[in-house]
Amino acid sequence: MNNNYPQVCFEVGLSCQACTNETATQLARCCKGLRGKLIGQLFVQIHPHPACARMHANFAESYRRASGDETRVMAACA
């Protein structure tokens, strides 16, 4: 299997932001109310490739937004 990330994703038309937004949204549907380090730990389990690491903040923000925790999103952006 070719593990040339993020090139593999780009070839199928998937951006890093779209990928992490979607996985964060799916996680929020299943598991609402996760906080801090647990969101980070799940990000690493879902996206273990080192090339994905730079998308951690996008994933966390997308998770918070999808789970309805807008106050935490606003605080994270301030």
N, C-alpha and C. Protein backbone atom coordinates (compact mmCIF):
# COMPACT_ATOMS: atom_id res chain seq x y z
N MET A 1 0.84 -1.18 0.00
CA MET A 1 0.00 0.00 0.00
C MET A 1 0.88 1.24 0.00
N ASN A 2 0.51 2.22 -0.82
CA ASN A 2 1.28 3.46 -0.92
C ASN A 2 0.91 4.39 0.23
N ASN A 3 1.88 4.75 1.05
CA ASN A 3 1.65 5.62 2.20
C ASN A 3 2.29 6.99 2.00
N ASN A 4 2.23 7.52 0.79
CA ASN A 4 2.82 8.81 0.48
C ASN A 4 1.82 9.92 0.77
N TYR A 5 1.64 10.21 2.06
CA TYR A 5 0.70 11.26 2.46
C TYR A 5 1.40 12.60 2.45
N PRO A 6 0.79 13.68 2.13
CA PRO A 6 -0.60 13.86 1.72
C PRO A 6 -0.84 13.68 0.23
N GLN A 7 0.18 13.31 -0.53
CA GLN A 7 0.05 13.16 -1.99
C GLN A 7 -1.07 12.19 -2.37
N VAL A 8 -1.18 11.09 -1.66
CA VAL A 8 -2.24 10.11 -1.94
C VAL A 8 -3.61 10.77 -1.82
N CYS A 9 -3.77 11.58 -0.80
CA CYS A 9 -5.05 12.26 -0.58
C CYS A 9 -5.34 13.25 -1.71
N PHE A 10 -4.33 14.03 -2.08
CA PHE A 10 -4.50 15.02 -3.14
C PHE A 10 -4.90 14.37 -4.45
N GLU A 11 -4.33 13.20 -4.72
CA GLU A 11 -4.61 12.48 -5.97
C GLU A 11 -6.08 12.07 -6.08
N VAL A 12 -6.73 11.86 -4.95
CA VAL A 12 -8.16 11.49 -4.99
C VAL A 12 -9.05 12.70 -4.72
N GLY A 13 -8.45 13.90 -4.70
CA GLY A 13 -9.21 15.13 -4.55
C GLY A 13 -9.56 15.51 -3.13
N LEU A 14 -8.80 15.03 -2.17
CA LEU A 14 -9.08 15.30 -0.77
C LEU A 14 -7.99 16.19 -0.18
N SER A 15 -8.39 17.34 0.33
CA SER A 15 -7.43 18.23 0.98
C SER A 15 -7.28 17.83 2.44
N CYS A 16 -6.20 18.25 3.06
CA CYS A 16 -5.99 17.95 4.47
C CYS A 16 -7.10 18.57 5.32
N GLN A 17 -7.48 19.79 5.00
CA GLN A 17 -8.52 20.47 5.77
C GLN A 17 -9.85 19.74 5.63
N ALA A 18 -10.23 19.35 4.43
CA ALA A 18 -11.49 18.63 4.23
C ALA A 18 -11.48 17.29 4.97
N CYS A 19 -10.36 16.61 4.93
CA CYS A 19 -10.23 15.31 5.60
C CYS A 19 -10.41 15.45 7.11
N THR A 20 -9.67 16.39 7.71
CA THR A 20 -9.75 16.54 9.16
C THR A 20 -11.09 17.12 9.59
N ASN A 21 -11.68 17.99 8.77
CA ASN A 21 -13.01 18.49 9.09
C ASN A 21 -14.01 17.35 9.14
N GLU A 22 -13.96 16.49 8.15
CA GLU A 22 -14.92 15.38 8.08
C GLU A 22 -14.71 14.37 9.21
N THR A 23 -13.48 14.00 9.50
CA THR A 23 -13.27 13.02 10.58
C THR A 23 -13.64 13.62 11.93
N ALA A 24 -13.38 14.90 12.13
CA ALA A 24 -13.76 15.56 13.38
C ALA A 24 -15.28 15.62 13.52
N THR A 25 -15.96 15.89 12.42
CA THR A 25 -17.42 15.94 12.44
C THR A 25 -18.00 14.56 12.75
N GLN A 26 -17.44 13.53 12.14
CA GLN A 26 -17.90 12.17 12.42
C GLN A 26 -17.66 11.79 13.87
N LEU A 27 -16.50 12.17 14.41
CA LEU A 27 -16.20 11.89 15.81
C LEU A 27 -17.19 12.60 16.72
N ALA A 28 -17.51 13.85 16.42
CA ALA A 28 -18.45 14.61 17.24
C ALA A 28 -19.84 13.98 17.23
N ARG A 29 -20.22 13.36 16.14
CA ARG A 29 -21.52 12.67 16.08
C ARG A 29 -21.56 11.49 17.02
N CYS A 30 -20.43 10.84 17.17
CA CYS A 30 -20.36 9.64 18.02
C CYS A 30 -20.04 9.96 19.47
N CYS A 31 -19.17 10.93 19.68
CA CYS A 31 -18.63 11.21 21.02
C CYS A 31 -18.62 12.70 21.30
N LYS A 32 -19.70 13.21 21.83
CA LYS A 32 -19.76 14.63 22.18
C LYS A 32 -19.08 14.87 23.53
N GLY A 33 -18.60 16.09 23.72
CA GLY A 33 -18.07 16.50 25.01
C GLY A 33 -16.63 16.16 25.31
N LEU A 34 -15.89 15.69 24.31
CA LEU A 34 -14.47 15.39 24.55
C LEU A 34 -13.73 16.70 24.77
N ARG A 35 -12.67 16.66 25.55
CA ARG A 35 -11.89 17.86 25.87
C ARG A 35 -10.41 17.65 25.58
N GLY A 36 -9.73 18.77 25.38
CA GLY A 36 -8.28 18.89 25.29
C GLY A 36 -7.48 17.71 24.80
N LYS A 37 -6.77 17.11 25.73
CA LYS A 37 -5.83 16.05 25.38
C LYS A 37 -6.50 14.84 24.74
N LEU A 38 -7.72 14.56 25.13
CA LEU A 38 -8.42 13.41 24.54
C LEU A 38 -8.70 13.65 23.06
N ILE A 39 -9.06 14.87 22.70
CA ILE A 39 -9.25 15.20 21.29
C ILE A 39 -7.93 15.00 20.54
N GLY A 40 -6.84 15.45 21.13
CA GLY A 40 -5.53 15.29 20.53
C GLY A 40 -5.13 13.83 20.38
N GLN A 41 -5.40 13.03 21.40
CA GLN A 41 -5.07 11.61 21.34
C GLN A 41 -5.87 10.90 20.24
N LEU A 42 -7.12 11.25 20.13
CA LEU A 42 -7.94 10.64 19.09
C LEU A 42 -7.50 11.09 17.71
N PHE A 43 -7.09 12.34 17.58
CA PHE A 43 -6.57 12.81 16.30
C PHE A 43 -5.39 11.94 15.85
N VAL A 44 -4.47 11.69 16.76
CA VAL A 44 -3.28 10.89 16.42
C VAL A 44 -3.66 9.45 16.08
N GLN A 45 -4.66 8.91 16.73
CA GLN A 45 -5.10 7.55 16.41
C GLN A 45 -5.79 7.49 15.06
N ILE A 46 -6.57 8.52 14.73
CA ILE A 46 -7.28 8.55 13.45
C ILE A 46 -6.34 8.91 12.31
N HIS A 47 -5.42 9.82 12.56
CA HIS A 47 -4.49 10.33 11.54
C HIS A 47 -3.04 10.09 12.01
N PRO A 48 -2.58 8.85 11.98
CA PRO A 48 -1.26 8.54 12.55
C PRO A 48 -0.06 8.96 11.69
N HIS A 49 -0.28 9.28 10.44
CA HIS A 49 0.86 9.61 9.59
C HIS A 49 1.45 10.97 9.97
N PRO A 50 2.77 11.09 10.06
CA PRO A 50 3.41 12.36 10.44
C PRO A 50 3.01 13.55 9.57
N ALA A 51 2.71 13.31 8.31
CA ALA A 51 2.31 14.41 7.42
C ALA A 51 0.98 15.03 7.84
N CYS A 52 0.20 14.30 8.61
CA CYS A 52 -1.11 14.80 9.05
C CYS A 52 -1.00 15.65 10.31
N ALA A 53 0.09 15.58 11.01
CA ALA A 53 0.24 16.23 12.32
C ALA A 53 -0.06 17.73 12.29
N ARG A 54 0.26 18.39 11.22
CA ARG A 54 0.06 19.84 11.15
C ARG A 54 -1.42 20.22 11.17
N MET A 55 -2.31 19.25 11.00
CA MET A 55 -3.74 19.52 10.96
C MET A 55 -4.43 19.32 12.31
N HIS A 56 -3.64 19.13 13.35
CA HIS A 56 -4.20 18.89 14.69
C HIS A 56 -5.14 20.01 15.12
N ALA A 57 -4.72 21.26 14.99
CA ALA A 57 -5.56 22.40 15.44
C ALA A 57 -6.84 22.49 14.62
N ASN A 58 -6.76 22.23 13.33
CA ASN A 58 -7.96 22.24 12.48
C ASN A 58 -8.94 21.16 12.94
N PHE A 59 -8.42 19.98 13.24
CA PHE A 59 -9.25 18.88 13.71
C PHE A 59 -9.94 19.25 15.02
N ALA A 60 -9.18 19.79 15.97
CA ALA A 60 -9.74 20.16 17.27
C ALA A 60 -10.81 21.23 17.12
N GLU A 61 -10.55 22.24 16.32
CA GLU A 61 -11.53 23.30 16.11
C GLU A 61 -12.79 22.74 15.43
N SER A 62 -12.60 21.90 14.44
CA SER A 62 -13.74 21.30 13.74
C SER A 62 -14.55 20.41 14.67
N TYR A 63 -13.86 19.68 15.53
CA TYR A 63 -14.57 18.83 16.50
C TYR A 63 -15.43 19.70 17.42
N ARG A 64 -14.84 20.73 17.97
CA ARG A 64 -15.57 21.60 18.91
C ARG A 64 -16.77 22.25 18.24
N ARG A 65 -16.57 22.69 17.02
CA ARG A 65 -17.67 23.32 16.29
C ARG A 65 -18.78 22.29 16.03
N ALA A 66 -18.43 21.11 15.59
CA ALA A 66 -19.42 20.08 15.26
C ALA A 66 -20.15 19.56 16.50
N SER A 67 -19.47 19.60 17.64
CA SER A 67 -20.12 19.12 18.86
C SER A 67 -20.88 20.23 19.58
N GLY A 68 -20.91 21.43 18.97
CA GLY A 68 -21.68 22.53 19.53
C GLY A 68 -20.99 23.29 20.63
N ASP A 69 -19.69 23.14 20.76
CA ASP A 69 -18.93 23.82 21.81
C ASP A 69 -18.30 25.08 21.24
N GLU A 70 -19.12 26.02 20.80
CA GLU A 70 -18.65 27.25 20.16
C GLU A 70 -17.82 28.12 21.09
N THR A 71 -18.10 28.10 22.38
CA THR A 71 -17.34 28.96 23.30
C THR A 71 -15.88 28.52 23.35
N ARG A 72 -15.65 27.23 23.29
CA ARG A 72 -14.27 26.73 23.31
C ARG A 72 -13.58 27.06 21.99
N VAL A 73 -14.30 27.04 20.88
CA VAL A 73 -13.72 27.40 19.60
C VAL A 73 -13.29 28.86 19.63
N MET A 74 -14.17 29.72 20.13
CA MET A 74 -13.86 31.14 20.20
C MET A 74 -12.66 31.38 21.11
N ALA A 75 -12.57 30.70 22.23
CA ALA A 75 -11.45 30.86 23.15
C ALA A 75 -10.16 30.37 22.50
N ALA A 76 -10.23 29.30 21.74
CA ALA A 76 -9.03 28.75 21.09
C ALA A 76 -8.51 29.70 20.02
N CYS A 77 -9.40 30.46 19.40
CA CYS A 77 -9.01 31.38 18.34
C CYS A 77 -8.55 32.72 18.86
N ALA A 78 -8.85 33.02 20.12
CA ALA A 78 -8.51 34.35 20.67
C ALA A 78 -7.06 34.43 21.06
